[in-house]
């Protein structure tokens, strides 16, 4: 971008919570590279609700209308008939495609009419002005930083600290009263294959309670059924905050916890962003894309199951068109290889760290 003043930057990343948080290192790099520019996220309604008024690398959010073929776009996107007006309403100096391989997203970004376009490109996608080859298995944070480097932007792969308000922290203090250490458990995930069995979360809750730790279930309304299974299987009572927090309050609850144990899902990434230590439960393929690279505060546990536990189909071939097998329609847990003892040992090791780990709230002075 040498010689071209950049005053307005548009970034396409219109999907879920974890996806957004994995993009925040790239967004922070763009913010640092263009400190006087307005950075606009072309995102979803939830981005607008969660990020408006919250300090961070995004100045504002424009809610993208429904785009045909745009994978991962939330279901509540505005009517697609609003898309032409959306694309012509504003002009940008730089448009950045961080959404995926580009088959649907690259034409969308090109249609913004920006002076320069950069982004990801799979083999079946049209090019932008500058492209990073899209290959399915790559750490997502590094993938998106690689795109930012096309604009001369760079920075660390760690998630920048997510701002949590005083009101959100007050809510969390009311939901998690008294001394800890609190350990949040998130048993849900949109894809059932990414869920550690509920009985194992229950057993872990019992193990933690016996040591004096205070396990608590977290999640949104969609997690109610699986968290009810955890409560019913546990020998002792497990406090349950399912559906009792909006996203900001959930961030503060996770910040108040010393450790968060979760499947590969939005709350696990949110915990990392607010400074909690994590024990993440991953299918091995997902770990390549989403697991943290450091181990002082984060302990990803991997299940190496690659064949469907029900039918034996090979489910590891995504992104490899020359390899036989394309998965199956079954949705059992692929995380059964991870034992309760392994998760419990990692939590206890984090709780016993020397010097002691502090919760994100303690580190922030709350």
Protein backbone atom coordinates (compact mmCIF):
# COMPACT_ATOMS: atom_id res chain seq x y z
CA UNK A 1 0.00 0.00 0.00
CA UNK A 2 3.04 2.27 -0.40
CA UNK A 3 2.04 5.70 -1.70
CA UNK A 4 -1.69 5.02 -1.35
CA UNK A 5 -3.33 6.77 1.61
CA UNK A 6 -5.55 4.35 3.49
CA UNK A 7 -8.36 6.04 5.33
CA UNK A 8 -11.10 3.41 5.09
CA UNK A 9 -10.62 -0.33 5.48
CA UNK A 10 -13.37 -2.95 5.09
CA UNK A 11 -12.84 -6.46 6.44
CA UNK A 12 -15.16 -9.36 5.58
CA UNK A 13 -15.51 -11.87 8.43
CA UNK A 14 -19.20 -12.67 8.77
CA UNK A 15 -19.50 -15.85 10.80
CA UNK A 16 -19.44 -17.08 14.41
CA UNK A 17 -17.82 -16.03 17.69
CA UNK A 18 -14.76 -18.26 17.51
CA UNK A 19 -14.20 -17.26 13.90
CA UNK A 20 -14.20 -13.58 14.84
CA UNK A 21 -11.81 -14.06 17.74
CA UNK A 22 -9.36 -16.00 15.57
CA UNK A 23 -9.38 -12.98 13.25
CA UNK A 24 -8.60 -10.45 15.99
CA UNK A 25 -4.79 -10.74 15.68
CA UNK A 26 -5.09 -9.86 11.98
CA UNK A 27 -7.55 -7.07 12.77
CA UNK A 28 -5.19 -5.69 15.41
CA UNK A 29 -2.32 -5.83 12.91
CA UNK A 30 -4.37 -3.86 10.36
CA UNK A 31 -5.35 -1.38 13.07
CA UNK A 32 -1.67 -0.85 13.97
CA UNK A 33 -0.60 -0.56 10.31
CA UNK A 34 -3.27 2.03 9.55
CA UNK A 35 -3.79 3.84 12.87
CA UNK A 36 -5.70 6.75 11.35
CA UNK A 37 -8.00 4.64 9.18
CA UNK A 38 -11.55 3.61 9.99
CA UNK A 39 -11.73 -0.19 10.17
CA UNK A 40 -15.20 -1.50 9.31
CA UNK A 41 -16.17 -5.11 9.87
CA UNK A 42 -18.62 -6.52 7.35
CA UNK A 43 -20.23 -8.87 9.79
CA UNK A 44 -23.41 -10.13 11.40
CA UNK A 45 -26.04 -8.77 13.76
CA UNK A 46 -24.30 -10.35 16.73
CA UNK A 47 -21.08 -8.50 15.85
CA UNK A 48 -22.97 -5.22 15.86
CA UNK A 49 -24.57 -5.95 19.25
CA UNK A 50 -21.39 -7.25 20.88
CA UNK A 51 -18.78 -4.87 19.45
CA UNK A 52 -20.63 -1.55 19.36
CA UNK A 53 -19.14 0.66 22.06
CA UNK A 54 -16.53 -1.96 22.97
CA UNK A 55 -12.91 -0.79 22.52
CA UNK A 56 -11.00 -2.94 20.07
CA UNK A 57 -9.54 -3.10 16.57
CA UNK A 58 -12.92 -2.62 14.86
CA UNK A 59 -14.35 0.91 14.66
CA UNK A 60 -17.78 -0.11 13.46
CA UNK A 61 -19.81 -3.00 12.07
CA UNK A 62 -21.95 -3.06 8.95
CA UNK A 63 -24.42 -5.96 9.00
CA UNK A 64 -24.05 -7.84 5.75
CA UNK A 65 -27.24 -8.94 3.93
CA UNK A 66 -27.63 -12.58 3.02
CA UNK A 67 -25.08 -13.65 0.39
CA UNK A 68 -25.75 -16.79 -1.61
CA UNK A 69 -23.07 -19.41 -0.94
CA UNK A 70 -21.30 -17.50 1.85
CA UNK A 71 -20.48 -20.33 4.27
CA UNK A 72 -20.99 -19.70 7.97
CA UNK A 73 -23.09 -16.56 7.61
CA UNK A 74 -25.57 -16.44 10.52
CA UNK A 75 -29.18 -17.23 9.71
CA UNK A 76 -30.50 -13.86 10.83
CA UNK A 77 -28.77 -11.94 8.02
CA UNK A 78 -30.90 -9.23 6.39
CA UNK A 79 -32.80 -9.84 3.18
CA UNK A 80 -30.48 -10.50 0.20
CA UNK A 81 -32.37 -7.90 -1.85
CA UNK A 82 -30.58 -5.25 0.25
CA UNK A 83 -27.16 -6.42 -0.98
CA UNK A 84 -26.76 -4.18 -4.08
CA UNK A 85 -27.44 -1.04 -2.06
CA UNK A 86 -25.13 -2.28 0.70
CA UNK A 87 -22.26 -2.75 -1.77
CA UNK A 88 -22.66 0.65 -3.42
CA UNK A 89 -23.27 2.70 -0.28
CA UNK A 90 -19.64 3.18 0.74
CA UNK A 91 -16.19 3.18 -0.82
CA UNK A 92 -12.99 1.87 0.74
CA UNK A 93 -9.29 2.24 0.13
CA UNK A 94 -8.61 -1.35 1.19
CA UNK A 95 -10.98 -4.32 1.28
CA UNK A 96 -9.79 -7.47 3.06
CA UNK A 97 -11.32 -10.92 2.62
CA UNK A 98 -10.79 -12.98 5.79
CA UNK A 99 -13.89 -15.12 5.40
CA UNK A 100 -12.70 -18.28 3.62
CA UNK A 101 -11.65 -19.75 0.31
CA UNK A 102 -13.23 -17.00 -1.74
CA UNK A 103 -15.66 -18.67 -4.12
CA UNK A 104 -18.50 -16.49 -2.81
CA UNK A 105 -16.53 -13.99 -0.73
CA UNK A 106 -14.04 -12.77 -3.35
CA UNK A 107 -16.69 -11.57 -5.82
CA UNK A 108 -18.41 -9.88 -2.87
CA UNK A 109 -15.23 -8.07 -1.82
CA UNK A 110 -14.42 -7.13 -5.41
CA UNK A 111 -17.91 -5.63 -5.78
CA UNK A 112 -17.16 -3.13 -3.01
CA UNK A 113 -15.07 -1.19 -5.52
CA UNK A 114 -12.13 -0.66 -3.17
CA UNK A 115 -8.88 0.78 -4.50
CA UNK A 116 -7.10 -2.44 -3.46
CA UNK A 117 -8.40 -5.86 -2.50
CA UNK A 118 -6.56 -8.64 -0.68
CA UNK A 119 -7.61 -11.98 0.74
CA UNK A 120 -7.69 -15.75 0.61
CA UNK A 121 -8.08 -17.71 -2.58
CA UNK A 122 -8.87 -21.38 -3.10
CA UNK A 123 -8.42 -23.03 -6.47
CA UNK A 124 -12.05 -22.47 -7.48
CA UNK A 125 -12.19 -18.79 -6.45
CA UNK A 126 -11.61 -15.68 -8.57
CA UNK A 127 -8.53 -13.62 -7.68
CA UNK A 128 -8.30 -10.36 -5.79
CA UNK A 129 -5.49 -7.85 -6.29
CA UNK A 130 -3.28 -9.90 -3.95
CA UNK A 131 -4.00 -13.37 -2.63
CA UNK A 132 -2.92 -15.93 -0.05
CA UNK A 133 -3.51 -19.54 -1.21
CA UNK A 134 -6.27 -21.15 0.83
CA UNK A 135 -5.56 -24.65 2.09
CA UNK A 136 -7.98 -26.15 4.58
CA UNK A 137 -5.48 -27.33 7.21
CA UNK A 138 -3.58 -24.28 8.46
CA UNK A 139 -3.67 -22.50 11.84
CA UNK A 140 -6.47 -20.00 11.29
CA UNK A 141 -4.78 -17.15 13.15
CA UNK A 142 -1.66 -17.53 11.00
CA UNK A 143 -3.77 -17.84 7.86
CA UNK A 144 -5.40 -14.50 8.51
CA UNK A 145 -2.18 -12.79 9.57
CA UNK A 146 -0.71 -13.95 6.27
CA UNK A 147 -3.44 -11.97 4.51
CA UNK A 148 -2.76 -8.91 6.68
CA UNK A 149 0.90 -9.06 5.64
CA UNK A 150 -0.17 -8.41 2.05
CA UNK A 151 -1.01 -4.89 3.28
CA UNK A 152 2.24 -4.52 5.22
CA UNK A 153 0.54 -5.32 8.52
CA UNK A 154 1.86 -7.83 11.05
CA UNK A 155 1.70 -8.64 14.73
CA UNK A 156 1.59 -11.40 17.33
CA UNK A 157 -0.65 -14.45 17.02
CA UNK A 158 -1.98 -14.04 20.56
CA UNK A 159 -5.55 -12.80 20.82
CA UNK A 160 -5.59 -9.14 21.81
CA UNK A 161 -7.27 -8.67 25.19
CA UNK A 162 -11.03 -8.32 24.81
CA UNK A 163 -12.40 -5.32 26.66
CA UNK A 164 -14.90 -6.21 29.40
CA UNK A 165 -17.00 -3.46 30.97
CA UNK A 166 -17.45 -2.75 34.66
CA UNK A 167 -21.15 -3.54 34.39
CA UNK A 168 -20.36 -6.92 32.82
CA UNK A 169 -17.90 -7.68 35.62
CA UNK A 170 -20.51 -6.73 38.22
CA UNK A 171 -22.92 -9.18 36.61
CA UNK A 172 -20.29 -11.92 36.67
CA UNK A 173 -19.49 -11.24 40.34
CA UNK A 174 -23.17 -11.73 41.16
CA UNK A 175 -23.32 -14.99 39.23
CA UNK A 176 -20.06 -16.36 40.68
CA UNK A 177 -20.04 -15.10 44.27
CA UNK A 178 -17.38 -15.79 46.86
CA UNK A 179 -13.86 -17.16 46.50
CA UNK A 180 -12.80 -19.56 43.78
CA UNK A 181 -11.05 -21.01 42.09
CA UNK A 182 -13.89 -21.12 39.60
CA UNK A 183 -13.52 -23.54 36.68
CA UNK A 184 -15.98 -23.05 33.81
CA UNK A 185 -17.18 -26.08 31.86
CA UNK A 186 -18.65 -25.66 28.39
CA UNK A 187 -20.05 -28.96 27.15
CA UNK A 188 -21.73 -27.68 24.00
CA UNK A 189 -20.66 -27.30 20.38
CA UNK A 190 -22.68 -26.75 17.22
CA UNK A 191 -21.29 -29.94 15.66
CA UNK A 192 -21.96 -32.98 17.91
CA UNK A 193 -18.71 -34.54 16.70
CA UNK A 194 -16.83 -31.81 18.58
CA UNK A 195 -18.52 -32.57 21.92
CA UNK A 196 -16.75 -34.46 24.67
CA UNK A 197 -19.35 -36.84 26.16
CA UNK A 198 -21.56 -35.17 28.79
CA UNK A 199 -20.82 -38.00 31.26
CA UNK A 200 -17.15 -37.08 31.16
CA UNK A 201 -17.83 -33.43 31.88
CA UNK A 202 -19.91 -34.64 34.83
CA UNK A 203 -17.10 -36.85 36.09
CA UNK A 204 -14.64 -33.98 35.72
CA UNK A 205 -16.95 -31.69 37.69
CA UNK A 206 -17.00 -34.23 40.52
CA UNK A 207 -13.20 -34.57 40.45
CA UNK A 208 -12.73 -30.80 40.59
CA UNK A 209 -15.29 -30.30 43.37
CA UNK A 210 -13.50 -32.93 45.47
CA UNK A 211 -10.31 -30.87 45.29
CA UNK A 212 -11.97 -27.64 46.40
CA UNK A 213 -12.31 -26.09 42.96
CA UNK A 214 -15.71 -24.70 41.98
CA UNK A 215 -16.95 -26.01 38.62
CA UNK A 216 -19.72 -24.10 36.87
CA UNK A 217 -21.54 -24.86 33.62
CA UNK A 218 -21.79 -22.10 31.02
CA UNK A 219 -23.42 -21.75 27.63
CA UNK A 220 -26.24 -20.30 25.62
CA UNK A 221 -29.80 -21.54 25.21
CA UNK A 222 -28.65 -24.05 22.60
CA UNK A 223 -26.48 -25.75 25.22
CA UNK A 224 -29.33 -26.35 27.68
CA UNK A 225 -29.93 -30.00 26.79
CA UNK A 226 -26.29 -31.13 26.98
CA UNK A 227 -25.68 -29.18 30.20
CA UNK A 228 -28.76 -30.81 31.70
CA UNK A 229 -27.15 -34.18 30.89
CA UNK A 230 -24.01 -33.07 32.72
CA UNK A 231 -25.98 -32.03 35.81
CA UNK A 232 -27.95 -35.28 35.87
CA UNK A 233 -24.82 -37.43 35.53
CA UNK A 234 -22.77 -35.59 38.16
CA UNK A 235 -22.74 -37.01 41.68
CA UNK A 236 -22.83 -33.56 43.27
CA UNK A 237 -24.60 -30.32 42.33
CA UNK A 238 -23.03 -28.26 39.56
CA UNK A 239 -24.08 -24.59 39.26
CA UNK A 240 -25.48 -23.91 35.80
CA UNK A 241 -25.45 -20.49 34.11
CA UNK A 242 -26.79 -21.79 30.81
CA UNK A 243 -28.88 -19.11 29.10
CA UNK A 244 -28.41 -16.65 31.98
CA UNK A 245 -25.77 -14.48 30.31
CA UNK A 246 -25.59 -12.44 27.15
CA UNK A 247 -22.29 -12.55 25.32
CA UNK A 248 -20.76 -9.68 27.28
CA UNK A 249 -21.71 -11.18 30.63
CA UNK A 250 -20.40 -14.57 29.48
CA UNK A 251 -17.07 -12.92 28.66
CA UNK A 252 -16.96 -11.52 32.20
CA UNK A 253 -17.90 -14.89 33.72
CA UNK A 254 -15.09 -16.60 31.82
CA UNK A 255 -12.72 -13.81 32.80
CA UNK A 256 -13.59 -14.46 36.46
CA UNK A 257 -12.64 -18.15 36.11
CA UNK A 258 -9.06 -19.29 36.52
CA UNK A 259 -9.48 -22.20 34.08
CA UNK A 260 -12.06 -22.93 31.38
CA UNK A 261 -12.58 -26.48 30.07
CA UNK A 262 -14.42 -26.52 26.78
CA UNK A 263 -14.93 -28.16 23.44
CA UNK A 264 -13.66 -26.39 20.34
CA UNK A 265 -16.35 -23.71 20.29
CA UNK A 266 -16.92 -19.99 20.72
CA UNK A 267 -16.67 -19.89 24.54
CA UNK A 268 -13.25 -21.56 24.44
CA UNK A 269 -11.95 -18.79 22.19
CA UNK A 270 -13.71 -16.19 24.32
CA UNK A 271 -11.94 -17.55 27.40
CA UNK A 272 -8.58 -17.09 25.68
CA UNK A 273 -9.49 -13.54 24.72
CA UNK A 274 -10.32 -12.52 28.31
CA UNK A 275 -7.21 -14.07 29.84
CA UNK A 276 -8.48 -17.32 31.37
CA UNK A 277 -6.32 -20.43 31.20
CA UNK A 278 -7.91 -23.17 29.09
CA UNK A 279 -8.08 -26.91 28.65
CA UNK A 280 -9.46 -27.28 25.14
CA UNK A 281 -10.91 -30.57 23.87
CA UNK A 282 -10.21 -30.98 20.16
CA UNK A 283 -10.60 -33.42 17.35
CA UNK A 284 -7.10 -33.60 15.84
CA UNK A 285 -8.08 -31.96 12.54
CA UNK A 286 -9.74 -29.03 14.30
CA UNK A 287 -6.67 -28.64 16.52
CA UNK A 288 -4.53 -27.88 13.46
CA UNK A 289 -6.77 -24.94 12.63
CA UNK A 290 -7.86 -23.67 16.03
CA UNK A 291 -5.69 -24.83 18.96
CA UNK A 292 -3.30 -22.40 20.68
CA UNK A 293 0.41 -22.88 20.10
CA UNK A 294 1.56 -22.06 23.65
CA UNK A 295 1.31 -24.21 26.79
CA UNK A 296 1.87 -21.94 29.80
CA UNK A 297 -1.84 -21.06 30.04
CA UNK A 298 -3.40 -23.31 27.40
CA UNK A 299 -3.50 -27.11 27.30
CA UNK A 300 -5.22 -28.49 24.20
CA UNK A 301 -6.08 -32.19 24.45
CA UNK A 302 -6.45 -34.05 21.17
CA UNK A 303 -8.48 -37.02 20.09
CA UNK A 304 -6.84 -38.79 17.16
CA UNK A 305 -10.01 -40.57 16.03
CA UNK A 306 -10.26 -40.12 12.24
CA UNK A 307 -12.74 -42.89 11.38
CA UNK A 308 -16.41 -42.53 12.24
CA UNK A 309 -17.12 -44.51 15.44
CA UNK A 310 -20.42 -45.67 13.89
CA UNK A 311 -19.54 -46.66 10.33
CA UNK A 312 -15.76 -46.47 10.04
CA UNK A 313 -15.71 -43.86 7.25
CA UNK A 314 -12.52 -41.79 6.95
CA UNK A 315 -13.42 -38.26 8.08
CA UNK A 316 -9.94 -36.73 7.72
CA UNK A 317 -9.94 -35.99 4.00
CA UNK A 318 -11.32 -32.42 3.96
CA UNK A 319 -9.20 -30.29 1.68
CA UNK A 320 -7.57 -33.32 0.04
CA UNK A 321 -9.55 -34.00 -3.16
CA UNK A 322 -7.22 -36.77 -4.34
CA UNK A 323 -7.69 -38.87 -1.21
CA UNK A 324 -10.52 -41.40 -1.11
CA UNK A 325 -13.42 -40.91 1.27
CA UNK A 326 -15.53 -37.89 2.02
CA UNK A 327 -16.78 -38.57 5.53
CA UNK A 328 -20.31 -39.60 6.38
CA UNK A 329 -23.58 -38.28 7.72
CA UNK A 330 -23.20 -39.65 11.25
CA UNK A 331 -22.63 -37.25 14.12
CA UNK A 332 -21.23 -39.16 17.12
CA UNK A 333 -18.61 -37.62 19.37
CA UNK A 334 -15.11 -37.88 17.93
CA UNK A 335 -13.58 -36.94 21.31
CA UNK A 336 -14.06 -40.25 23.11
CA UNK A 337 -10.32 -40.91 23.12
CA UNK A 338 -9.74 -38.14 25.71
CA UNK A 339 -10.02 -39.57 29.26
CA UNK A 340 -11.33 -37.69 32.28
CA UNK A 341 -8.04 -38.24 34.11
CA UNK A 342 -6.12 -36.41 31.41
CA UNK A 343 -8.38 -33.35 31.53
CA UNK A 344 -8.39 -33.36 35.33
CA UNK A 345 -4.60 -33.50 35.53
CA UNK A 346 -4.23 -30.54 33.19
CA UNK A 347 -6.74 -28.45 35.16
CA UNK A 348 -5.01 -29.25 38.44
CA UNK A 349 -1.60 -28.50 36.96
CA UNK A 350 -2.84 -25.08 35.82
CA UNK A 351 -4.41 -24.40 39.22
CA UNK A 352 -1.14 -25.35 40.93
CA UNK A 353 1.06 -23.17 38.71
CA UNK A 354 3.96 -21.37 40.37
CA UNK A 355 3.53 -18.43 40.39
CA UNK A 356 -0.22 -18.97 40.63
CA UNK A 357 -2.33 -18.22 37.60
CA UNK A 358 -4.68 -15.32 38.09
CA UNK A 359 -8.10 -15.07 36.53
CA UNK A 360 -8.48 -12.54 33.75
CA UNK A 361 -10.51 -10.36 36.12
CA UNK A 362 -7.71 -10.38 38.72
CA UNK A 363 -5.17 -9.51 36.05
CA UNK A 364 -7.37 -6.62 34.92
CA UNK A 365 -7.62 -5.31 38.47
CA UNK A 366 -11.34 -5.99 38.78
